[in-house]
N, C-alpha and C. Protein backbone atom coordinates (compact mmCIF):
# COMPACT_ATOMS: atom_id res chain seq x y z
N MET A 1 -18.38 3.01 9.72
CA MET A 1 -17.83 2.06 10.31
C MET A 1 -16.78 3.69 10.10
N THR A 2 -16.01 4.16 12.03
CA THR A 2 -16.39 5.36 12.24
C THR A 2 -14.77 5.65 12.26
N VAL A 3 -13.59 5.97 12.69
CA VAL A 3 -12.16 6.72 13.29
C VAL A 3 -12.77 6.30 14.67
N ALA A 4 -13.75 6.22 15.23
CA ALA A 4 -14.31 6.06 16.72
C ALA A 4 -14.55 5.00 16.86
N GLU A 5 -14.91 4.05 15.72
CA GLU A 5 -14.58 2.92 15.65
C GLU A 5 -13.91 2.17 15.91
N ILE A 6 -13.22 2.61 15.17
CA ILE A 6 -11.64 1.76 15.01
C ILE A 6 -10.35 1.63 16.48
N LEU A 7 -10.14 3.26 16.65
CA LEU A 7 -9.31 3.16 17.28
C LEU A 7 -9.95 2.25 19.18
N ALA A 8 -11.79 2.58 19.01
CA ALA A 8 -12.07 1.33 19.78
C ALA A 8 -11.87 -0.30 19.72
N ARG A 9 -10.73 -0.05 18.88
CA ARG A 9 -10.73 -1.42 18.71
C ARG A 9 -9.25 -2.52 18.61
N HIS A 10 -8.67 -0.66 19.61
CA HIS A 10 -7.05 -1.06 19.69
C HIS A 10 -6.81 -0.84 20.70
N PRO A 11 -5.46 -1.03 21.81
CA PRO A 11 -6.31 -0.66 22.84
C PRO A 11 -4.47 0.69 23.09
N VAL A 12 -4.86 1.69 24.36
CA VAL A 12 -4.98 3.65 23.69
C VAL A 12 -3.14 3.14 24.26
N ARG A 13 -2.55 2.79 23.21
CA ARG A 13 -1.47 2.78 23.68
C ARG A 13 -0.12 3.37 21.87
N GLN A 14 0.57 3.93 22.47
CA GLN A 14 1.14 4.44 21.35
C GLN A 14 2.01 3.47 20.11
N ASP A 15 1.77 2.36 21.00
CA ASP A 15 2.97 1.58 19.45
C ASP A 15 1.97 0.33 18.75
N ALA A 16 0.55 1.12 18.86
CA ALA A 16 -0.65 0.69 18.82
C ALA A 16 -0.67 1.64 17.58
N LEU A 17 -0.92 2.60 17.31
CA LEU A 17 -0.59 3.53 15.66
C LEU A 17 -0.57 2.95 14.45
N LEU A 18 -0.20 1.95 14.20
CA LEU A 18 0.49 1.03 13.02
C LEU A 18 -0.98 0.70 12.23
N PRO A 19 -1.74 -0.44 13.30
CA PRO A 19 -2.30 -1.24 13.31
C PRO A 19 -3.68 0.10 12.91
N ILE A 20 -3.92 1.23 13.77
CA ILE A 20 -5.47 1.82 13.58
C ILE A 20 -5.16 2.59 12.53
N LEU A 21 -4.03 3.33 11.83
CA LEU A 21 -3.83 3.56 10.99
C LEU A 21 -3.52 2.46 9.66
N HIS A 22 -3.05 1.35 8.95
CA HIS A 22 -3.50 -0.23 8.20
C HIS A 22 -5.27 0.23 8.86
N ASP A 23 -5.88 -0.19 9.60
CA ASP A 23 -7.15 -0.25 9.87
C ASP A 23 -8.08 0.79 9.16
N VAL A 24 -7.47 2.12 9.08
CA VAL A 24 -8.36 3.05 9.22
C VAL A 24 -8.16 3.24 7.17
N GLN A 25 -7.51 3.29 6.51
CA GLN A 25 -6.44 2.86 5.61
C GLN A 25 -7.31 1.78 4.85
N SER A 26 -7.58 0.68 5.38
CA SER A 26 -8.05 -0.63 5.03
C SER A 26 -9.92 -0.16 4.71
N ALA A 27 -10.48 0.43 5.60
CA ALA A 27 -11.67 1.40 6.81
C ALA A 27 -12.09 2.25 5.73
N PHE A 28 -11.66 3.97 4.99
CA PHE A 28 -11.81 4.65 3.53
C PHE A 28 -10.32 4.72 2.77
N GLY A 29 -9.47 3.81 2.30
CA GLY A 29 -9.08 4.07 1.28
C GLY A 29 -7.71 5.27 1.27
N TRP A 30 -8.01 5.82 2.28
CA TRP A 30 -6.84 6.76 2.42
C TRP A 30 -6.73 7.31 3.81
N VAL A 31 -5.48 7.88 4.48
CA VAL A 31 -5.84 8.23 6.07
C VAL A 31 -6.14 10.23 6.01
N SER A 32 -7.11 10.38 5.77
CA SER A 32 -7.31 12.38 6.00
C SER A 32 -6.82 12.93 7.01
N GLU A 33 -6.72 14.05 6.88
CA GLU A 33 -6.67 14.84 8.45
C GLU A 33 -7.02 15.18 9.55
N ASP A 34 -8.54 15.16 9.52
CA ASP A 34 -9.59 14.68 10.03
C ASP A 34 -9.18 13.36 11.12
N SER A 35 -8.66 12.35 9.86
CA SER A 35 -8.73 11.10 10.84
C SER A 35 -6.99 11.33 11.48
N ILE A 36 -6.08 11.68 11.62
CA ILE A 36 -4.94 12.11 11.44
C ILE A 36 -5.06 12.81 13.00
N ARG A 37 -5.17 13.73 12.72
CA ARG A 37 -6.26 14.59 14.28
C ARG A 37 -7.25 13.53 15.19
N THR A 38 -7.30 12.86 15.16
CA THR A 38 -8.44 11.93 15.80
C THR A 38 -7.34 11.20 16.78
N ILE A 39 -6.93 10.16 16.55
CA ILE A 39 -5.68 9.91 15.84
C ILE A 39 -4.91 10.49 17.58
N ALA A 40 -3.45 10.72 16.82
CA ALA A 40 -3.15 12.42 17.60
C ALA A 40 -3.63 12.20 18.92
N LYS A 41 -4.94 13.10 19.19
CA LYS A 41 -5.75 13.07 20.63
C LYS A 41 -5.69 11.50 21.07
N ALA A 42 -5.74 10.59 20.66
CA ALA A 42 -6.54 9.59 21.17
C ALA A 42 -5.58 8.86 22.20
N LEU A 43 -3.86 8.94 21.50
CA LEU A 43 -3.10 8.57 21.37
C LEU A 43 -2.00 8.95 22.60
N ASN A 44 -3.12 10.31 22.41
CA ASN A 44 -1.79 11.87 23.55
C ASN A 44 -0.91 11.29 22.03
N LEU A 45 -0.29 11.40 20.55
CA LEU A 45 0.57 12.70 20.41
C LEU A 45 0.42 13.28 19.52
N SER A 46 1.17 14.11 19.23
CA SER A 46 1.81 15.74 18.24
C SER A 46 0.58 15.00 17.03
N ARG A 47 -0.18 15.79 16.47
CA ARG A 47 -0.14 15.28 14.52
C ARG A 47 1.03 16.04 13.53
N ALA A 48 2.24 15.98 14.03
CA ALA A 48 3.46 15.79 12.96
C ALA A 48 3.34 14.73 13.58
N GLU A 49 3.68 13.83 14.81
CA GLU A 49 4.66 12.23 14.35
C GLU A 49 3.00 11.14 14.67
N VAL A 50 1.80 12.17 14.21
CA VAL A 50 1.09 10.79 13.89
C VAL A 50 1.76 11.08 12.15
N SER A 51 1.35 12.13 11.63
CA SER A 51 1.83 13.08 9.54
C SER A 51 2.84 11.83 9.73
N GLY A 52 3.85 12.22 10.20
CA GLY A 52 4.95 11.67 9.83
C GLY A 52 5.14 10.61 9.76
N VAL A 53 4.66 9.43 10.47
CA VAL A 53 4.43 7.63 10.36
C VAL A 53 3.48 7.72 8.89
N VAL A 54 2.57 8.75 9.08
CA VAL A 54 1.93 8.13 7.51
C VAL A 54 2.50 8.38 6.86
N SER A 55 2.94 9.83 6.14
CA SER A 55 4.10 9.79 5.09
C SER A 55 5.43 9.17 5.22
N PHE A 56 4.77 8.48 5.89
CA PHE A 56 6.86 7.82 6.29
C PHE A 56 6.66 6.43 5.00
N TYR A 57 5.47 5.81 5.27
CA TYR A 57 4.98 4.19 4.78
C TYR A 57 4.23 4.55 3.45
N HIS A 58 4.56 3.61 2.65
CA HIS A 58 4.09 4.49 1.37
C HIS A 58 2.74 3.14 1.18
N ASP A 59 2.14 2.26 1.86
CA ASP A 59 0.93 2.17 2.31
C ASP A 59 0.11 3.14 2.42
N PHE A 60 -0.20 4.09 3.26
CA PHE A 60 -1.03 5.01 3.18
C PHE A 60 -1.16 5.97 2.60
N LEU A 61 -2.33 6.65 2.05
CA LEU A 61 -2.49 7.69 1.21
C LEU A 61 -3.26 8.68 1.95
N ARG A 62 -3.22 10.10 1.26
CA ARG A 62 -2.63 11.25 2.27
C ARG A 62 -4.66 11.75 1.28
N ALA A 63 -4.44 11.43 0.54
CA ALA A 63 -5.15 11.47 -0.13
C ALA A 63 -6.52 9.99 -1.26
N PRO A 64 -7.51 10.33 -0.88
CA PRO A 64 -8.31 9.02 -2.14
C PRO A 64 -7.62 8.64 -3.45
N ASP A 65 -8.23 7.48 -3.54
CA ASP A 65 -7.54 7.30 -5.26
C ASP A 65 -8.53 6.54 -5.61
N PRO A 66 -8.92 6.10 -6.30
CA PRO A 66 -9.92 5.44 -6.79
C PRO A 66 -9.53 4.53 -7.61
N ARG A 67 -8.36 4.23 -8.27
CA ARG A 67 -8.36 3.21 -8.84
C ARG A 67 -7.66 1.92 -8.26
N PRO A 68 -7.19 1.05 -9.06
CA PRO A 68 -7.05 -0.01 -8.43
C PRO A 68 -5.31 -0.10 -8.12
N VAL A 69 -4.82 -1.28 -7.16
CA VAL A 69 -3.60 -0.97 -7.93
C VAL A 69 -2.68 -2.32 -6.88
N LEU A 70 -1.26 -2.18 -8.18
CA LEU A 70 -1.29 -3.29 -8.35
C LEU A 70 0.09 -2.72 -7.53
N LYS A 71 0.62 -3.91 -6.07
CA LYS A 71 1.92 -3.73 -6.06
C LYS A 71 2.63 -4.75 -6.14
N LEU A 72 3.63 -3.93 -6.62
CA LEU A 72 5.63 -4.95 -7.88
C LEU A 72 5.91 -4.93 -6.95
N CYS A 73 6.99 -6.14 -6.15
CA CYS A 73 7.74 -5.96 -5.64
C CYS A 73 9.16 -5.46 -6.18
N ARG A 74 9.76 -5.07 -5.22
CA ARG A 74 10.91 -4.52 -6.45
C ARG A 74 12.36 -4.58 -5.13
N ALA A 75 12.32 -5.92 -4.86
CA ALA A 75 13.80 -5.92 -3.65
C ALA A 75 14.24 -6.69 -4.19
N GLU A 76 16.09 -7.12 -3.34
CA GLU A 76 16.47 -7.31 -5.09
C GLU A 76 16.93 -8.60 -5.29
N SER A 77 16.12 -9.39 -4.56
CA SER A 77 15.24 -11.16 -5.21
C SER A 77 14.65 -10.86 -6.48
N CYS A 78 13.90 -9.89 -7.07
CA CYS A 78 13.27 -9.94 -8.18
C CYS A 78 13.60 -8.63 -8.55
N GLN A 79 14.17 -7.67 -8.71
CA GLN A 79 15.74 -7.03 -9.01
C GLN A 79 16.36 -7.58 -10.52
N ALA A 80 16.67 -9.22 -9.79
CA ALA A 80 17.70 -10.25 -9.90
C ALA A 80 16.42 -10.75 -11.56
N ARG A 81 15.43 -10.54 -11.48
CA ARG A 81 14.89 -11.07 -12.32
C ARG A 81 13.95 -10.63 -13.05
N GLY A 82 14.30 -9.08 -13.36
CA GLY A 82 13.98 -8.13 -14.04
C GLY A 82 13.00 -7.08 -14.14
N SER A 83 13.20 -7.43 -12.39
CA SER A 83 11.05 -5.84 -12.01
C SER A 83 11.64 -4.63 -12.22
N GLU A 84 12.81 -4.46 -12.53
CA GLU A 84 13.23 -3.38 -13.34
C GLU A 84 12.74 -2.66 -14.07
N ALA A 85 12.98 -3.27 -15.34
CA ALA A 85 12.30 -2.83 -16.52
C ALA A 85 10.64 -3.64 -15.96
N LEU A 86 10.12 -4.32 -15.62
CA LEU A 86 8.96 -4.59 -15.66
C LEU A 86 8.23 -3.08 -15.06
N ALA A 87 9.16 -3.12 -14.24
CA ALA A 87 7.90 -1.45 -13.20
C ALA A 87 7.99 -1.00 -14.64
N ALA A 88 8.92 0.09 -15.22
CA ALA A 88 8.34 0.58 -16.62
C ALA A 88 7.90 -0.28 -17.68
N GLU A 89 7.62 -0.70 -17.77
CA GLU A 89 6.19 -1.42 -18.52
C GLU A 89 5.40 -1.93 -17.83
N ALA A 90 5.19 -1.75 -16.89
CA ALA A 90 4.26 -1.84 -15.95
C ALA A 90 3.10 -1.04 -15.69
N GLU A 91 4.17 0.93 -16.33
CA GLU A 91 3.75 1.91 -15.70
C GLU A 91 2.73 2.51 -17.56
N ARG A 92 4.28 2.06 -18.26
CA ARG A 92 3.10 2.45 -19.23
C ARG A 92 2.40 1.20 -20.11
N ILE A 93 1.67 0.80 -19.52
CA ILE A 93 1.15 0.18 -19.55
C ILE A 93 -0.60 0.24 -18.93
N ALA A 94 0.18 0.43 -17.43
CA ALA A 94 -1.22 0.60 -16.87
C ALA A 94 -1.67 2.47 -17.02
N GLY A 95 -0.73 3.29 -17.41
CA GLY A 95 -1.39 4.79 -17.83
C GLY A 95 -1.89 5.39 -16.02
N ASP A 96 -2.96 5.83 -16.77
CA ASP A 96 -3.53 6.59 -15.54
C ASP A 96 -4.49 5.51 -15.16
N ARG A 97 -4.99 5.01 -16.00
CA ARG A 97 -5.83 4.33 -14.86
C ARG A 97 -6.10 2.68 -13.92
N VAL A 98 -4.39 2.63 -13.25
CA VAL A 98 -4.20 1.44 -12.27
C VAL A 98 -3.01 2.23 -12.00
N ARG A 99 -3.15 2.00 -10.87
CA ARG A 99 -1.45 2.65 -9.73
C ARG A 99 -1.12 1.89 -9.53
N VAL A 100 0.19 1.98 -9.76
CA VAL A 100 1.38 0.89 -9.58
C VAL A 100 2.02 1.18 -8.75
N ALA A 101 1.84 0.83 -7.87
CA ALA A 101 2.56 0.77 -5.86
C ALA A 101 3.61 0.04 -6.27
N THR A 102 5.09 0.53 -5.65
CA THR A 102 6.39 -0.19 -5.12
C THR A 102 6.19 -1.68 -3.77
N VAL A 103 6.26 -1.97 -3.75
CA VAL A 103 6.55 -2.77 -3.08
C VAL A 103 8.36 -3.28 -2.34
N TYR A 104 8.60 -3.73 -1.32
CA TYR A 104 9.57 -4.65 -1.14
C TYR A 104 9.59 -5.67 0.18
N CYS A 105 9.38 -6.81 -1.06
CA CYS A 105 8.80 -7.99 -0.86
C CYS A 105 7.69 -8.91 -0.46
N LEU A 106 7.28 -9.99 -1.14
CA LEU A 106 5.67 -10.38 -0.83
C LEU A 106 6.14 -11.66 -0.64
N GLY A 107 7.59 -11.57 -0.51
CA GLY A 107 7.30 -13.06 0.19
C GLY A 107 7.54 -14.26 -0.99
N LEU A 108 8.68 -13.97 -2.06
CA LEU A 108 7.39 -15.15 -2.74
C LEU A 108 9.35 -15.10 -3.80
N CYS A 109 10.26 -15.25 -3.22
CA CYS A 109 12.00 -14.37 -3.89
C CYS A 109 11.90 -15.37 -4.53
N SER A 110 11.20 -16.36 -4.23
CA SER A 110 12.34 -17.72 -5.41
C SER A 110 11.71 -17.60 -6.66
N VAL A 111 10.33 -16.95 -6.91
CA VAL A 111 9.91 -16.92 -8.38
C VAL A 111 9.71 -15.76 -7.67
N GLY A 112 10.53 -15.06 -8.29
CA GLY A 112 9.76 -13.18 -8.75
C GLY A 112 10.59 -13.61 -10.76
N PRO A 113 9.88 -12.16 -10.69
CA PRO A 113 9.27 -11.50 -10.22
C PRO A 113 7.44 -11.66 -9.93
N ASN A 114 6.81 -10.46 -9.05
CA ASN A 114 6.03 -11.06 -8.51
C ASN A 114 5.12 -9.76 -8.39
N ALA A 115 3.70 -9.15 -8.00
CA ALA A 115 2.66 -8.50 -8.14
C ALA A 115 2.02 -9.09 -7.25
N MET A 116 0.86 -7.98 -6.58
CA MET A 116 -0.08 -8.55 -5.37
C MET A 116 -1.18 -7.76 -5.54
N VAL A 117 -2.31 -8.23 -6.61
CA VAL A 117 -3.72 -7.77 -6.06
C VAL A 117 -4.46 -7.95 -5.47
N GLY A 118 -4.97 -6.72 -4.65
CA GLY A 118 -6.04 -6.82 -3.80
C GLY A 118 -4.55 -7.97 -2.76
N ASP A 119 -5.45 -8.64 -2.46
CA ASP A 119 -5.25 -10.18 -1.24
C ASP A 119 -4.31 -11.42 -2.19
N ARG A 120 -4.06 -11.81 -3.67
CA ARG A 120 -4.24 -11.97 -4.95
C ARG A 120 -2.85 -11.77 -4.84
N ALA A 121 -1.71 -12.94 -4.89
CA ALA A 121 -0.18 -12.48 -4.88
C ALA A 121 -0.04 -13.12 -6.74
N HIS A 122 0.99 -12.96 -7.52
CA HIS A 122 0.69 -13.49 -9.01
C HIS A 122 2.80 -13.49 -9.06
N ALA A 123 2.97 -14.08 -9.19
CA ALA A 123 4.56 -14.51 -8.97
C ALA A 123 5.23 -15.05 -10.93
N ARG A 124 5.97 -15.04 -10.32
CA ARG A 124 7.13 -15.06 -12.53
C ARG A 124 6.74 -14.40 -13.48
N LEU A 125 7.00 -13.16 -13.08
CA LEU A 125 5.44 -11.99 -14.08
C LEU A 125 6.99 -12.28 -15.32
N ASN A 126 6.40 -11.75 -15.89
CA ASN A 126 7.13 -11.04 -17.39
C ASN A 126 6.25 -9.88 -18.12
N GLY A 127 6.32 -9.61 -19.06
CA GLY A 127 5.70 -8.08 -19.63
C GLY A 127 4.25 -8.58 -20.02
N GLU A 128 4.81 -9.57 -20.97
CA GLU A 128 3.39 -11.02 -21.22
C GLU A 128 1.94 -10.87 -20.02
N ARG A 129 3.19 -11.45 -19.14
CA ARG A 129 2.44 -11.62 -18.19
C ARG A 129 1.03 -10.56 -17.31
N ILE A 130 2.10 -9.57 -17.11
CA ILE A 130 1.62 -7.67 -16.03
C ILE A 130 1.35 -7.45 -17.00
N ALA A 131 1.07 -7.70 -18.49
CA ALA A 131 -0.05 -6.77 -19.63
C ALA A 131 -1.67 -7.56 -18.91
N ALA A 132 -2.04 -9.14 -19.33
CA ALA A 132 -2.78 -8.94 -18.97
C ALA A 132 -3.57 -9.30 -17.33
N LEU A 133 -3.12 -9.64 -16.40
CA LEU A 133 -2.82 -9.16 -15.36
C LEU A 133 -3.55 -7.42 -14.60
N ILE A 134 -3.00 -6.55 -15.54
CA ILE A 134 -3.15 -5.21 -15.54
C ILE A 134 -4.54 -4.84 -16.45
N GLY A 135 -4.49 -5.91 -17.63
CA GLY A 135 -5.87 -5.99 -18.81
C GLY A 135 -7.07 -6.24 -17.69
N GLU A 136 -6.94 -6.48 -17.04
CA GLU A 136 -8.26 -8.06 -16.14
C GLU A 136 -8.19 -6.66 -14.95
N MET A 137 -7.47 -5.51 -14.83
CA MET A 137 -7.59 -4.67 -13.44
C MET A 137 -9.02 -3.46 -14.15
């Protein structure tokens, strides 16, 4: 898969920028400077505009990171159920082996705190469950 192939699957409109960036992130694991340049040219945007979107959203990485990712919800509902303390525990357990990424709402507010690994959601997390989840990664 190339950036050109990804661009060919989308309409040539500025509102296609986010779907294109998500596809690039999914295909390569990061959004390179070459990808930014190619996308900007194809959508008639400046490199600064595309780069600004990439740096604004936490989902887009500017450099490859081979570590598995645990996306931990830190929205208000999960905060009320202890996600802040859980985040500190997850960071401690994960060390350099797993990247703990903050997300705001996984849509499981009634069963928080929540996390996502790949496309699988994990609910009602506590210190023991988050340790086991990170250990499996």
